Amino acid sequence: MPEETLLTPGSREASPCRGRESGRRRFWHEGASTSISFPDMPRRPIMTYRRTYEFSISPSEMWDTIGEVDQFEVWWPWLEEFRLEGDTLEEGAVLHGVIAPPLPYRMRILIELARCEPSRSIEALIHGDLEGEASLELRPRGVGSSVEVAWTVEMMQRPMRAADRMAHPLLQWGHDRVVEITVAGFRRRLGLAD
């Protein structure tokens, strides 16, 4: 997200302002004591997620399971038309698929693996009906693993952008439930309890 310039009263140097994230833009001018806000300026339709999950298998076992890309559609019930361009999860590989959640829309995406460190991490760029970045970090935790997943994506389809403008909290809630169900499916794939 581009940063705005914020001039604080009495200063001649600009400092970053992230006012757009709240849906309001704020501008300061030299000598001002209050900000001007534009409450009707639309917020960008961005979905953000960050969560850490615990698993009772090692990072290398976790990596091996994640690497079974032919099983993705089994533990992710909303993934369709999945294919991998490349041999395995490695830098430069590209994953293609359609996300079809239980809502009246489908999102075609392409995920480019920008950085992969086996048993440690993945950084990816997301393109298509969603645009953004994602990461996955595996860490040893006792006899198991701690897995942090995070992404920030902007919805590109007009109907999704409009729905987000009207009901962002509801869309975020639905997104988070889909992720929880996906993780539960992955745990079942591993033979682990929720």
N, C-alpha and C. Protein backbone atom coordinates (compact mmCIF):
# COMPACT_ATOMS: atom_id res chain seq x y z
N MET A 1 0.86 -1.17 0.00
CA MET A 1 0.00 0.00 0.00
C MET A 1 0.90 1.22 0.00
N PRO A 2 0.67 2.20 -0.91
CA PRO A 2 1.50 3.38 -0.93
C PRO A 2 1.26 4.21 0.32
N GLU A 3 2.33 4.81 0.81
CA GLU A 3 2.21 5.64 1.99
C GLU A 3 1.90 7.06 1.57
N GLU A 4 1.15 7.77 2.40
CA GLU A 4 0.85 9.16 2.17
C GLU A 4 1.91 9.99 2.87
N THR A 5 1.97 11.24 2.54
CA THR A 5 2.90 12.13 3.22
C THR A 5 2.16 12.88 4.31
N LEU A 6 2.76 12.92 5.47
CA LEU A 6 2.18 13.60 6.62
C LEU A 6 3.15 14.68 7.04
N LEU A 7 2.72 15.92 6.98
CA LEU A 7 3.52 17.02 7.50
C LEU A 7 2.96 17.37 8.85
N THR A 8 3.75 17.21 9.87
CA THR A 8 3.29 17.52 11.21
C THR A 8 3.45 19.00 11.48
N PRO A 9 2.61 19.58 12.34
CA PRO A 9 2.70 21.01 12.61
C PRO A 9 4.11 21.40 13.05
N GLY A 10 4.63 22.43 12.44
CA GLY A 10 5.93 22.95 12.83
C GLY A 10 7.10 22.19 12.22
N SER A 11 6.87 21.11 11.46
CA SER A 11 7.99 20.37 10.89
C SER A 11 8.11 20.68 9.41
N ARG A 12 9.29 20.53 8.90
CA ARG A 12 9.52 20.71 7.47
C ARG A 12 9.75 19.37 6.79
N GLU A 13 9.82 18.27 7.58
CA GLU A 13 10.06 16.95 7.01
C GLU A 13 8.78 16.16 6.99
N ALA A 14 8.62 15.38 5.95
CA ALA A 14 7.43 14.53 5.82
C ALA A 14 7.66 13.23 6.57
N SER A 15 6.61 12.71 7.17
CA SER A 15 6.68 11.38 7.77
C SER A 15 5.53 10.56 7.22
N PRO A 16 5.69 9.22 7.19
CA PRO A 16 4.64 8.40 6.57
C PRO A 16 3.35 8.40 7.37
N CYS A 17 2.25 8.31 6.67
CA CYS A 17 0.93 8.22 7.28
C CYS A 17 0.20 7.08 6.61
N ARG A 18 -0.34 6.17 7.38
CA ARG A 18 -1.05 5.02 6.82
C ARG A 18 -2.55 5.21 6.97
N GLY A 19 -3.04 6.43 6.81
CA GLY A 19 -4.44 6.74 7.04
C GLY A 19 -5.43 6.02 6.15
N ARG A 20 -5.02 5.58 4.95
CA ARG A 20 -5.96 4.94 4.04
C ARG A 20 -6.45 3.61 4.57
N GLU A 21 -5.67 2.92 5.43
CA GLU A 21 -6.10 1.62 5.92
C GLU A 21 -7.40 1.72 6.70
N SER A 22 -7.66 2.84 7.32
CA SER A 22 -8.88 3.00 8.08
C SER A 22 -10.04 3.46 7.20
N GLY A 23 -9.77 3.71 5.91
CA GLY A 23 -10.81 4.19 5.03
C GLY A 23 -10.89 5.71 4.99
N ARG A 24 -10.02 6.36 5.73
CA ARG A 24 -9.99 7.82 5.74
C ARG A 24 -8.60 8.29 5.33
N ARG A 25 -8.54 9.34 4.58
CA ARG A 25 -7.24 9.92 4.25
C ARG A 25 -7.08 11.16 5.11
N ARG A 26 -5.91 11.32 5.67
CA ARG A 26 -5.63 12.49 6.50
C ARG A 26 -4.49 13.28 5.89
N PHE A 27 -4.65 14.56 5.88
CA PHE A 27 -3.61 15.43 5.35
C PHE A 27 -3.30 16.49 6.41
N TRP A 28 -2.05 16.74 6.58
CA TRP A 28 -1.62 17.82 7.46
C TRP A 28 -0.94 18.86 6.58
N HIS A 29 -1.07 20.08 6.96
CA HIS A 29 -0.26 21.09 6.30
C HIS A 29 0.48 21.84 7.38
N GLU A 30 1.58 22.42 6.97
CA GLU A 30 2.44 23.08 7.94
C GLU A 30 1.64 24.14 8.70
N GLY A 31 1.76 24.10 10.02
CA GLY A 31 1.07 25.04 10.88
C GLY A 31 -0.32 24.59 11.30
N ALA A 32 -0.79 23.47 10.78
CA ALA A 32 -2.14 22.98 11.13
C ALA A 32 -2.13 22.34 12.50
N SER A 33 -3.24 22.42 13.18
CA SER A 33 -3.34 21.77 14.48
C SER A 33 -4.34 20.62 14.45
N THR A 34 -5.06 20.46 13.33
CA THR A 34 -6.00 19.35 13.19
C THR A 34 -5.80 18.73 11.81
N SER A 35 -6.34 17.55 11.65
CA SER A 35 -6.25 16.90 10.34
C SER A 35 -7.56 17.07 9.60
N ILE A 36 -7.49 16.95 8.30
CA ILE A 36 -8.68 16.96 7.47
C ILE A 36 -8.90 15.51 7.06
N SER A 37 -10.11 15.01 7.22
CA SER A 37 -10.34 13.62 6.82
C SER A 37 -11.48 13.58 5.82
N PHE A 38 -11.41 12.56 4.97
CA PHE A 38 -12.42 12.35 3.94
C PHE A 38 -13.08 11.00 4.22
N PRO A 39 -14.12 10.98 5.08
CA PRO A 39 -14.71 9.70 5.51
C PRO A 39 -15.38 8.92 4.40
N ASP A 40 -15.76 9.54 3.29
CA ASP A 40 -16.46 8.82 2.23
C ASP A 40 -15.51 8.22 1.20
N MET A 41 -14.19 8.44 1.37
CA MET A 41 -13.24 7.87 0.42
C MET A 41 -13.23 6.36 0.62
N PRO A 42 -13.41 5.58 -0.45
CA PRO A 42 -13.49 4.13 -0.30
C PRO A 42 -12.19 3.50 0.18
N ARG A 43 -12.35 2.51 1.03
CA ARG A 43 -11.24 1.72 1.53
C ARG A 43 -10.93 0.67 0.47
N ARG A 44 -9.66 0.36 0.26
CA ARG A 44 -9.32 -0.67 -0.72
C ARG A 44 -9.79 -2.02 -0.20
N PRO A 45 -10.29 -2.89 -1.10
CA PRO A 45 -10.83 -4.19 -0.70
C PRO A 45 -9.72 -5.21 -0.43
N ILE A 46 -9.12 -5.10 0.74
CA ILE A 46 -7.96 -5.92 1.10
C ILE A 46 -8.34 -6.88 2.22
N MET A 47 -7.91 -8.11 2.06
CA MET A 47 -8.11 -9.16 3.06
C MET A 47 -6.74 -9.49 3.64
N THR A 48 -6.63 -9.40 4.96
CA THR A 48 -5.38 -9.67 5.65
C THR A 48 -5.59 -10.82 6.61
N TYR A 49 -4.59 -11.68 6.69
CA TYR A 49 -4.67 -12.83 7.60
C TYR A 49 -3.29 -13.15 8.13
N ARG A 50 -3.20 -13.44 9.42
CA ARG A 50 -1.95 -13.90 10.03
C ARG A 50 -2.35 -14.76 11.22
N ARG A 51 -1.85 -15.98 11.23
CA ARG A 51 -2.17 -16.87 12.33
C ARG A 51 -1.08 -17.92 12.47
N THR A 52 -0.88 -18.38 13.68
CA THR A 52 0.08 -19.45 13.96
C THR A 52 -0.68 -20.67 14.41
N TYR A 53 -0.34 -21.81 13.83
CA TYR A 53 -0.95 -23.09 14.18
C TYR A 53 0.13 -24.02 14.72
N GLU A 54 -0.27 -24.87 15.64
CA GLU A 54 0.64 -25.85 16.23
C GLU A 54 0.29 -27.24 15.70
N PHE A 55 1.31 -28.00 15.34
CA PHE A 55 1.12 -29.37 14.86
C PHE A 55 2.09 -30.29 15.61
N SER A 56 1.72 -31.54 15.75
CA SER A 56 2.54 -32.49 16.51
C SER A 56 3.50 -33.28 15.62
N ILE A 57 3.84 -32.73 14.45
CA ILE A 57 4.85 -33.35 13.60
C ILE A 57 5.98 -32.35 13.37
N SER A 58 7.15 -32.85 13.02
CA SER A 58 8.33 -32.00 12.85
C SER A 58 8.19 -31.12 11.61
N PRO A 59 8.98 -30.03 11.54
CA PRO A 59 8.95 -29.20 10.33
C PRO A 59 9.27 -29.98 9.06
N SER A 60 10.18 -30.94 9.12
CA SER A 60 10.50 -31.70 7.90
C SER A 60 9.33 -32.60 7.49
N GLU A 61 8.64 -33.21 8.46
CA GLU A 61 7.44 -33.99 8.13
C GLU A 61 6.33 -33.08 7.58
N MET A 62 6.21 -31.91 8.15
CA MET A 62 5.22 -30.93 7.68
C MET A 62 5.53 -30.54 6.24
N TRP A 63 6.80 -30.25 5.95
CA TRP A 63 7.21 -29.86 4.60
C TRP A 63 6.91 -30.98 3.60
N ASP A 64 7.21 -32.22 3.99
CA ASP A 64 6.94 -33.35 3.10
C ASP A 64 5.45 -33.44 2.78
N THR A 65 4.61 -33.22 3.78
CA THR A 65 3.16 -33.29 3.56
C THR A 65 2.68 -32.14 2.69
N ILE A 66 3.17 -30.94 2.96
CA ILE A 66 2.80 -29.78 2.14
C ILE A 66 3.26 -30.01 0.70
N GLY A 67 4.37 -30.69 0.52
CA GLY A 67 4.90 -30.96 -0.81
C GLY A 67 4.09 -31.96 -1.62
N GLU A 68 3.12 -32.62 -1.01
CA GLU A 68 2.25 -33.55 -1.73
C GLU A 68 1.16 -32.76 -2.45
N VAL A 69 1.57 -32.02 -3.47
CA VAL A 69 0.65 -31.10 -4.13
C VAL A 69 -0.52 -31.81 -4.81
N ASP A 70 -0.36 -33.08 -5.13
CA ASP A 70 -1.48 -33.82 -5.72
C ASP A 70 -2.61 -34.04 -4.72
N GLN A 71 -2.36 -33.76 -3.45
CA GLN A 71 -3.38 -33.93 -2.41
C GLN A 71 -4.05 -32.61 -2.01
N PHE A 72 -3.62 -31.49 -2.58
CA PHE A 72 -4.16 -30.18 -2.19
C PHE A 72 -5.68 -30.14 -2.26
N GLU A 73 -6.27 -30.65 -3.32
CA GLU A 73 -7.72 -30.58 -3.47
C GLU A 73 -8.44 -31.47 -2.46
N VAL A 74 -7.73 -32.45 -1.87
CA VAL A 74 -8.33 -33.31 -0.85
C VAL A 74 -8.51 -32.55 0.45
N TRP A 75 -7.48 -31.83 0.91
CA TRP A 75 -7.59 -31.13 2.18
C TRP A 75 -8.06 -29.69 2.04
N TRP A 76 -8.18 -29.20 0.81
CA TRP A 76 -8.73 -27.86 0.58
C TRP A 76 -9.93 -28.04 -0.34
N PRO A 77 -11.13 -28.24 0.24
CA PRO A 77 -12.30 -28.59 -0.56
C PRO A 77 -12.75 -27.51 -1.54
N TRP A 78 -12.30 -26.28 -1.38
CA TRP A 78 -12.72 -25.20 -2.28
C TRP A 78 -11.71 -24.95 -3.39
N LEU A 79 -10.68 -25.79 -3.49
CA LEU A 79 -9.69 -25.63 -4.54
C LEU A 79 -10.06 -26.52 -5.73
N GLU A 80 -10.11 -25.92 -6.90
CA GLU A 80 -10.44 -26.65 -8.12
C GLU A 80 -9.42 -26.33 -9.19
N GLU A 81 -9.37 -27.17 -10.20
CA GLU A 81 -8.51 -26.95 -11.36
C GLU A 81 -7.06 -26.67 -10.96
N PHE A 82 -6.59 -27.34 -9.92
CA PHE A 82 -5.25 -27.09 -9.42
C PHE A 82 -4.20 -27.76 -10.32
N ARG A 83 -3.11 -27.02 -10.53
CA ARG A 83 -1.95 -27.62 -11.20
C ARG A 83 -0.69 -26.87 -10.78
N LEU A 84 0.42 -27.59 -10.83
CA LEU A 84 1.72 -27.04 -10.46
C LEU A 84 2.58 -26.94 -11.71
N GLU A 85 3.14 -25.78 -11.93
CA GLU A 85 4.10 -25.56 -13.01
C GLU A 85 5.47 -25.66 -12.34
N GLY A 86 6.15 -26.76 -12.54
CA GLY A 86 7.42 -27.04 -11.88
C GLY A 86 7.37 -28.44 -11.31
N ASP A 87 8.48 -28.88 -10.75
CA ASP A 87 8.54 -30.26 -10.23
C ASP A 87 8.02 -30.40 -8.81
N THR A 88 8.25 -29.40 -8.01
CA THR A 88 7.91 -29.47 -6.59
C THR A 88 7.79 -28.05 -6.04
N LEU A 89 7.57 -27.92 -4.75
CA LEU A 89 7.53 -26.59 -4.13
C LEU A 89 8.97 -26.09 -4.03
N GLU A 90 9.32 -25.24 -5.00
CA GLU A 90 10.67 -24.69 -5.06
C GLU A 90 10.59 -23.29 -5.65
N GLU A 91 11.62 -22.52 -5.42
CA GLU A 91 11.65 -21.16 -5.96
C GLU A 91 11.41 -21.20 -7.47
N GLY A 92 10.50 -20.35 -7.94
CA GLY A 92 10.18 -20.28 -9.35
C GLY A 92 8.98 -21.12 -9.75
N ALA A 93 8.58 -22.08 -8.92
CA ALA A 93 7.39 -22.89 -9.24
C ALA A 93 6.16 -21.99 -9.19
N VAL A 94 5.15 -22.35 -9.98
CA VAL A 94 3.92 -21.58 -10.04
C VAL A 94 2.75 -22.53 -9.82
N LEU A 95 1.88 -22.18 -8.89
CA LEU A 95 0.67 -22.96 -8.62
C LEU A 95 -0.50 -22.22 -9.24
N HIS A 96 -1.36 -22.95 -9.93
CA HIS A 96 -2.55 -22.38 -10.56
C HIS A 96 -3.77 -23.05 -9.94
N GLY A 97 -4.83 -22.32 -9.77
CA GLY A 97 -6.06 -22.93 -9.27
C GLY A 97 -7.21 -21.96 -9.22
N VAL A 98 -8.36 -22.52 -8.90
CA VAL A 98 -9.58 -21.73 -8.73
C VAL A 98 -10.07 -21.97 -7.31
N ILE A 99 -10.28 -20.88 -6.58
CA ILE A 99 -10.85 -20.96 -5.24
C ILE A 99 -12.35 -20.77 -5.40
N ALA A 100 -13.10 -21.78 -4.99
CA ALA A 100 -14.57 -21.75 -5.14
C ALA A 100 -15.20 -22.00 -3.78
N PRO A 101 -15.21 -20.98 -2.91
CA PRO A 101 -15.82 -21.15 -1.59
C PRO A 101 -17.34 -21.28 -1.70
N PRO A 102 -18.00 -21.61 -0.61
CA PRO A 102 -19.46 -21.78 -0.68
C PRO A 102 -20.18 -20.42 -0.77
N LEU A 103 -19.78 -19.62 -1.72
CA LEU A 103 -20.38 -18.31 -1.98
C LEU A 103 -20.56 -18.19 -3.49
N PRO A 104 -21.32 -17.23 -3.96
CA PRO A 104 -21.57 -17.14 -5.40
C PRO A 104 -20.45 -16.48 -6.20
N TYR A 105 -19.22 -16.83 -5.94
CA TYR A 105 -18.12 -16.31 -6.74
C TYR A 105 -16.98 -17.31 -6.74
N ARG A 106 -16.14 -17.22 -7.76
CA ARG A 106 -14.96 -18.07 -7.91
C ARG A 106 -13.79 -17.15 -8.18
N MET A 107 -12.63 -17.49 -7.66
CA MET A 107 -11.45 -16.67 -7.87
C MET A 107 -10.34 -17.50 -8.49
N ARG A 108 -9.94 -17.11 -9.67
CA ARG A 108 -8.84 -17.78 -10.36
C ARG A 108 -7.55 -17.10 -9.91
N ILE A 109 -6.59 -17.90 -9.42
CA ILE A 109 -5.34 -17.32 -8.92
C ILE A 109 -4.13 -18.08 -9.46
N LEU A 110 -3.01 -17.40 -9.39
CA LEU A 110 -1.71 -17.92 -9.75
C LEU A 110 -0.80 -17.56 -8.59
N ILE A 111 -0.10 -18.53 -8.03
CA ILE A 111 0.79 -18.28 -6.89
C ILE A 111 2.22 -18.59 -7.32
N GLU A 112 3.04 -17.57 -7.37
CA GLU A 112 4.43 -17.71 -7.78
C GLU A 112 5.30 -17.82 -6.51
N LEU A 113 6.02 -18.92 -6.39
CA LEU A 113 6.88 -19.12 -5.22
C LEU A 113 8.17 -18.33 -5.43
N ALA A 114 8.26 -17.22 -4.73
CA ALA A 114 9.40 -16.31 -4.88
C ALA A 114 10.61 -16.78 -4.08
N ARG A 115 10.37 -17.45 -2.96
CA ARG A 115 11.47 -17.95 -2.13
C ARG A 115 10.98 -19.19 -1.40
N CYS A 116 11.78 -20.24 -1.43
CA CYS A 116 11.46 -21.49 -0.71
C CYS A 116 12.70 -21.99 0.01
N GLU A 117 12.57 -22.22 1.27
CA GLU A 117 13.62 -22.87 2.05
C GLU A 117 12.99 -24.13 2.63
N PRO A 118 13.31 -25.32 2.07
CA PRO A 118 12.68 -26.56 2.53
C PRO A 118 12.71 -26.70 4.05
N SER A 119 11.58 -27.12 4.58
CA SER A 119 11.36 -27.32 6.02
C SER A 119 11.41 -26.03 6.82
N ARG A 120 11.46 -24.87 6.14
CA ARG A 120 11.54 -23.60 6.87
C ARG A 120 10.51 -22.56 6.43
N SER A 121 10.48 -22.24 5.12
CA SER A 121 9.61 -21.12 4.74
C SER A 121 9.31 -21.08 3.25
N ILE A 122 8.24 -20.37 2.96
CA ILE A 122 7.83 -20.05 1.58
C ILE A 122 7.39 -18.59 1.58
N GLU A 123 7.82 -17.85 0.56
CA GLU A 123 7.29 -16.52 0.30
C GLU A 123 6.74 -16.55 -1.12
N ALA A 124 5.55 -16.02 -1.30
CA ALA A 124 4.89 -16.12 -2.60
C ALA A 124 4.22 -14.82 -3.00
N LEU A 125 4.09 -14.66 -4.31
CA LEU A 125 3.34 -13.56 -4.90
C LEU A 125 2.06 -14.14 -5.48
N ILE A 126 0.95 -13.46 -5.26
CA ILE A 126 -0.35 -13.94 -5.70
C ILE A 126 -0.87 -13.01 -6.78
N HIS A 127 -1.36 -13.60 -7.89
CA HIS A 127 -1.88 -12.82 -9.01
C HIS A 127 -3.21 -13.40 -9.47
N GLY A 128 -3.96 -12.60 -10.18
CA GLY A 128 -5.24 -13.05 -10.73
C GLY A 128 -6.39 -12.28 -10.08
N ASP A 129 -7.42 -13.02 -9.68
CA ASP A 129 -8.58 -12.38 -9.04
C ASP A 129 -8.25 -11.89 -7.64
N LEU A 130 -7.11 -12.32 -7.11
CA LEU A 130 -6.54 -11.79 -5.89
C LEU A 130 -5.12 -11.35 -6.23
N GLU A 131 -4.68 -10.22 -5.69
CA GLU A 131 -3.32 -9.73 -5.90
C GLU A 131 -2.70 -9.45 -4.55
N GLY A 132 -1.50 -10.00 -4.31
CA GLY A 132 -0.85 -9.72 -3.04
C GLY A 132 0.33 -10.61 -2.77
N GLU A 133 0.59 -10.81 -1.48
CA GLU A 133 1.74 -11.59 -1.02
C GLU A 133 1.29 -12.55 0.06
N ALA A 134 2.03 -13.64 0.18
CA ALA A 134 1.74 -14.63 1.22
C ALA A 134 3.04 -15.22 1.73
N SER A 135 3.00 -15.74 2.95
CA SER A 135 4.18 -16.40 3.50
C SER A 135 3.75 -17.54 4.41
N LEU A 136 4.66 -18.48 4.56
CA LEU A 136 4.49 -19.61 5.46
C LEU A 136 5.83 -19.82 6.14
N GLU A 137 5.83 -19.88 7.48
CA GLU A 137 7.06 -20.08 8.26
C GLU A 137 6.88 -21.31 9.13
N LEU A 138 7.79 -22.26 9.03
CA LEU A 138 7.79 -23.46 9.87
C LEU A 138 8.89 -23.32 10.90
N ARG A 139 8.55 -23.61 12.16
CA ARG A 139 9.54 -23.56 13.24
C ARG A 139 9.38 -24.79 14.12
N PRO A 140 10.51 -25.34 14.58
CA PRO A 140 10.38 -26.46 15.53
C PRO A 140 9.78 -25.96 16.84
N ARG A 141 8.94 -26.76 17.43
CA ARG A 141 8.32 -26.40 18.71
C ARG A 141 8.18 -27.69 19.50
N GLY A 142 9.07 -27.91 20.44
CA GLY A 142 9.07 -29.17 21.19
C GLY A 142 9.31 -30.31 20.22
N VAL A 143 8.40 -31.29 20.22
CA VAL A 143 8.52 -32.41 19.29
C VAL A 143 7.72 -32.15 18.01
N GLY A 144 7.08 -30.99 17.91
CA GLY A 144 6.24 -30.69 16.77
C GLY A 144 6.69 -29.46 16.02
N SER A 145 5.71 -28.75 15.46
CA SER A 145 5.97 -27.57 14.63
C SER A 145 5.02 -26.44 14.97
N SER A 146 5.53 -25.25 14.79
CA SER A 146 4.73 -24.05 14.83
C SER A 146 4.71 -23.54 13.39
N VAL A 147 3.53 -23.30 12.84
CA VAL A 147 3.40 -22.87 11.45
C VAL A 147 2.67 -21.54 11.41
N GLU A 148 3.36 -20.51 10.95
CA GLU A 148 2.73 -19.21 10.81
C GLU A 148 2.41 -18.98 9.34
N VAL A 149 1.15 -18.69 9.06
CA VAL A 149 0.72 -18.35 7.70
C VAL A 149 0.24 -16.91 7.71
N ALA A 150 0.55 -16.20 6.64
CA ALA A 150 0.14 -14.80 6.56
C ALA A 150 -0.04 -14.41 5.10
N TRP A 151 -1.01 -13.55 4.84
CA TRP A 151 -1.16 -12.99 3.52
C TRP A 151 -1.94 -11.69 3.60
N THR A 152 -1.70 -10.89 2.59
CA THR A 152 -2.46 -9.68 2.35
C THR A 152 -2.79 -9.69 0.87
N VAL A 153 -4.07 -9.71 0.56
CA VAL A 153 -4.50 -9.77 -0.84
C VAL A 153 -5.59 -8.73 -1.09
N GLU A 154 -5.56 -8.20 -2.28
CA GLU A 154 -6.60 -7.28 -2.70
C GLU A 154 -7.52 -8.01 -3.66
N MET A 155 -8.81 -7.89 -3.42
CA MET A 155 -9.81 -8.52 -4.29
C MET A 155 -9.93 -7.69 -5.56
N MET A 156 -9.84 -8.33 -6.71
CA MET A 156 -9.82 -7.62 -7.98
C MET A 156 -11.15 -7.69 -8.74
N GLN A 157 -12.01 -8.66 -8.45
CA GLN A 157 -13.29 -8.77 -9.15
C GLN A 157 -14.23 -7.66 -8.70
N ARG A 158 -14.92 -7.04 -9.65
CA ARG A 158 -15.85 -5.96 -9.31
C ARG A 158 -16.91 -6.35 -8.30
N PRO A 159 -17.57 -7.52 -8.45
CA PRO A 159 -18.59 -7.88 -7.45
C PRO A 159 -18.00 -8.04 -6.04
N MET A 160 -16.78 -8.58 -5.95
CA MET A 160 -16.15 -8.75 -4.64
C MET A 160 -15.75 -7.40 -4.06
N ARG A 161 -15.29 -6.51 -4.89
CA ARG A 161 -14.92 -5.17 -4.42
C ARG A 161 -16.16 -4.45 -3.88
N ALA A 162 -17.28 -4.58 -4.59
CA ALA A 162 -18.53 -3.96 -4.15
C ALA A 162 -19.01 -4.59 -2.84
N ALA A 163 -18.97 -5.92 -2.76
CA ALA A 163 -19.39 -6.60 -1.53
C ALA A 163 -18.51 -6.19 -0.36
N ASP A 164 -17.22 -6.05 -0.59
CA ASP A 164 -16.31 -5.64 0.47
C ASP A 164 -16.65 -4.24 0.97
N ARG A 165 -17.00 -3.35 0.05
CA ARG A 165 -17.34 -1.99 0.43
C ARG A 165 -18.55 -1.97 1.36
N MET A 166 -19.48 -2.90 1.12
CA MET A 166 -20.71 -2.92 1.91
C MET A 166 -20.60 -3.76 3.18
N ALA A 167 -19.76 -4.80 3.16
CA ALA A 167 -19.78 -5.75 4.28
C ALA A 167 -18.40 -6.35 4.55
N HIS A 168 -17.37 -5.52 4.65
CA HIS A 168 -16.02 -6.05 4.88
C HIS A 168 -15.93 -6.96 6.10
N PRO A 169 -16.48 -6.58 7.26
CA PRO A 169 -16.36 -7.48 8.43
C PRO A 169 -16.97 -8.86 8.16
N LEU A 170 -18.07 -8.91 7.44
CA LEU A 170 -18.69 -10.19 7.12
C LEU A 170 -17.80 -11.00 6.18
N LEU A 171 -17.23 -10.35 5.16
CA LEU A 171 -16.33 -11.07 4.25
C LEU A 171 -15.09 -11.57 4.98
N GLN A 172 -14.53 -10.75 5.87
CA GLN A 172 -13.34 -11.18 6.63
C GLN A 172 -13.70 -12.37 7.51
N TRP A 173 -14.87 -12.32 8.15
CA TRP A 173 -15.32 -13.43 9.00
C TRP A 173 -15.45 -14.71 8.16
N GLY A 174 -16.09 -14.61 6.99
CA GLY A 174 -16.26 -15.77 6.12
C GLY A 174 -14.92 -16.31 5.64
N HIS A 175 -14.01 -15.41 5.29
CA HIS A 175 -12.66 -15.81 4.88
C HIS A 175 -11.98 -16.59 5.99
N ASP A 176 -12.05 -16.07 7.21
CA ASP A 176 -11.39 -16.73 8.34
C ASP A 176 -11.99 -18.11 8.62
N ARG A 177 -13.32 -18.27 8.44
CA ARG A 177 -13.95 -19.58 8.63
C ARG A 177 -13.47 -20.57 7.56
N VAL A 178 -13.35 -20.11 6.32
CA VAL A 178 -12.85 -20.98 5.25
C VAL A 178 -11.44 -21.45 5.57
N VAL A 179 -10.60 -20.55 6.08
CA VAL A 179 -9.23 -20.94 6.45
C VAL A 179 -9.27 -21.97 7.58
N GLU A 180 -10.10 -21.75 8.59
CA GLU A 180 -10.18 -22.72 9.70
C GLU A 180 -10.61 -24.10 9.21
N ILE A 181 -11.57 -24.16 8.30
CA ILE A 181 -12.03 -25.44 7.76
C ILE A 181 -10.92 -26.10 6.94
N THR A 182 -10.16 -25.28 6.22
CA THR A 182 -9.04 -25.80 5.43
C THR A 182 -7.98 -26.40 6.34
N VAL A 183 -7.66 -25.71 7.44
CA VAL A 183 -6.66 -26.23 8.39
C VAL A 183 -7.18 -27.52 9.02
N ALA A 184 -8.46 -27.57 9.35
CA ALA A 184 -9.03 -28.80 9.91
C ALA A 184 -8.91 -29.94 8.91
N GLY A 185 -9.13 -29.67 7.63
CA GLY A 185 -8.96 -30.70 6.60
C GLY A 185 -7.52 -31.15 6.49
N PHE A 186 -6.60 -30.22 6.63
CA PHE A 186 -5.17 -30.57 6.60
C PHE A 186 -4.82 -31.44 7.80
N ARG A 187 -5.36 -31.10 8.97
CA ARG A 187 -5.12 -31.93 10.17
C ARG A 187 -5.65 -33.35 9.96
N ARG A 188 -6.84 -33.46 9.36
CA ARG A 188 -7.38 -34.80 9.05
C ARG A 188 -6.46 -35.55 8.11
N ARG A 189 -5.93 -34.83 7.12
CA ARG A 189 -4.99 -35.44 6.17
C ARG A 189 -3.78 -36.02 6.91
N LEU A 190 -3.35 -35.31 7.95
CA LEU A 190 -2.21 -35.77 8.76
C LEU A 190 -2.60 -36.85 9.75
N GLY A 191 -3.91 -37.06 9.94
CA GLY A 191 -4.37 -38.01 10.95
C GLY A 191 -4.30 -37.45 12.35
N LEU A 192 -4.36 -36.11 12.46
CA LEU A 192 -4.28 -35.43 13.76
C LEU A 192 -5.66 -34.92 14.15
N ALA A 193 -5.91 -34.85 15.44
CA ALA A 193 -7.18 -34.31 15.94
C ALA A 193 -7.13 -32.79 15.84
N ASP A 194 -8.32 -32.17 15.75
CA ASP A 194 -8.41 -30.70 15.74
C ASP A 194 -8.00 -30.11 17.07
